[in-house]
Amino acid sequence: MFCVYLLRSPPQPSEKYTGFTSDLKARLQKHNDGGSPHTAKFRPWKLLAYFAFEDEAKALEFEKYLKSGSGRAFSSRHFWNE
């Protein structure tokens, strides 16, 4: 399975991250261990949501959408507001 995931930094709730992986548990651990330069300074990260796909191309397409203007609006409306 291929996952698109949404992370939030509890210490800095305005910091959000959208990513793609084939191993969600290991990828979240890498973010929280500081293994990703883009997310290291905002750890720890909390998994907010994930979407699993059987097809890698579909997962990458969905990640690209979530990182677009309309995808960010969609994410904001449905996931980031708590």
Protein backbone atom coordinates (compact mmCIF):
# COMPACT_ATOMS: atom_id res chain seq x y z
CA MET A 1 0.00 0.00 0.00
CA PHE A 2 1.02 3.59 -0.61
CA CYS A 3 -0.01 6.30 1.82
CA VAL A 4 -0.48 10.03 1.65
CA TYR A 5 -0.34 11.46 5.15
CA LEU A 6 -0.94 14.69 7.04
CA LEU A 7 1.18 15.65 10.04
CA ARG A 8 0.90 18.45 12.57
CA SER A 9 3.46 19.67 15.08
CA PRO A 10 1.79 19.87 18.54
CA PRO A 11 4.40 22.34 19.88
CA GLN A 12 3.80 24.58 16.83
CA PRO A 13 0.26 23.81 15.57
CA SER A 14 0.60 26.13 12.59
CA GLU A 15 3.28 23.78 11.21
CA LYS A 16 1.77 21.13 8.94
CA TYR A 17 3.26 18.60 6.56
CA THR A 18 1.83 16.48 3.75
CA GLY A 19 3.83 13.51 2.51
CA PHE A 20 3.87 10.18 0.69
CA THR A 21 5.30 6.81 1.75
CA SER A 22 5.00 3.07 1.36
CA ASP A 23 5.80 2.51 5.07
CA LEU A 24 3.83 4.95 7.22
CA LYS A 25 5.09 3.78 10.60
CA ALA A 26 8.77 4.02 9.58
CA ARG A 27 8.25 7.38 7.87
CA LEU A 28 6.57 8.93 10.92
CA GLN A 29 9.43 7.61 13.07
CA LYS A 30 11.94 9.19 10.66
CA HIS A 31 10.16 12.57 10.94
CA ASN A 32 10.16 12.32 14.75
CA ASP A 33 13.82 11.22 14.89
CA GLY A 34 14.87 14.29 12.89
CA GLY A 35 15.77 12.28 9.78
CA SER A 36 13.95 14.64 7.43
CA PRO A 37 15.61 18.08 7.16
CA HIS A 38 12.35 19.84 6.31
CA THR A 39 10.51 18.60 9.41
CA ALA A 40 13.33 18.16 11.96
CA LYS A 41 12.98 21.55 13.62
CA PHE A 42 9.25 21.16 14.32
CA ARG A 43 9.20 17.75 15.99
CA PRO A 44 7.53 15.87 17.45
CA TRP A 45 4.94 15.26 14.75
CA LYS A 46 1.46 13.85 15.23
CA LEU A 47 -0.27 11.88 12.50
CA LEU A 48 -3.50 13.70 11.74
CA ALA A 49 -4.81 11.58 8.85
CA TYR A 50 -3.66 9.19 6.17
CA PHE A 51 -5.09 7.86 2.94
CA ALA A 52 -4.07 4.42 1.65
CA PHE A 53 -3.88 3.57 -2.04
CA GLU A 54 -3.15 0.31 -3.80
CA ASP A 55 -1.82 2.19 -6.82
CA GLU A 56 1.36 4.26 -6.36
CA ALA A 57 0.51 6.65 -9.20
CA LYS A 58 -2.88 7.44 -7.64
CA ALA A 59 -1.26 8.11 -4.27
CA LEU A 60 1.30 10.46 -5.83
CA GLU A 61 -1.45 12.20 -7.76
CA PHE A 62 -3.44 12.72 -4.54
CA GLU A 63 -0.36 14.05 -2.70
CA LYS A 64 0.23 16.50 -5.55
CA TYR A 65 -3.40 17.60 -5.32
CA LEU A 66 -3.19 18.15 -1.54
CA LYS A 67 -0.13 20.35 -2.08
CA SER A 68 -1.92 22.46 -4.70
CA GLY A 69 -3.96 25.57 -3.88
CA SER A 70 -7.32 23.82 -4.02
CA GLY A 71 -5.93 20.79 -2.18
CA ARG A 72 -4.60 23.00 0.64
CA ALA A 73 -8.04 24.62 0.87
CA PHE A 74 -9.64 21.15 1.02
CA SER A 75 -7.21 20.01 3.74
CA SER A 76 -7.77 23.18 5.74
CA ARG A 77 -11.51 22.82 5.59
CA HIS A 78 -11.59 19.14 6.51
CA PHE A 79 -8.49 18.30 8.55
CA TRP A 80 -6.47 21.20 9.92
CA ASN A 81 -9.23 22.96 11.87
CA GLU A 82 -9.55 21.47 15.33
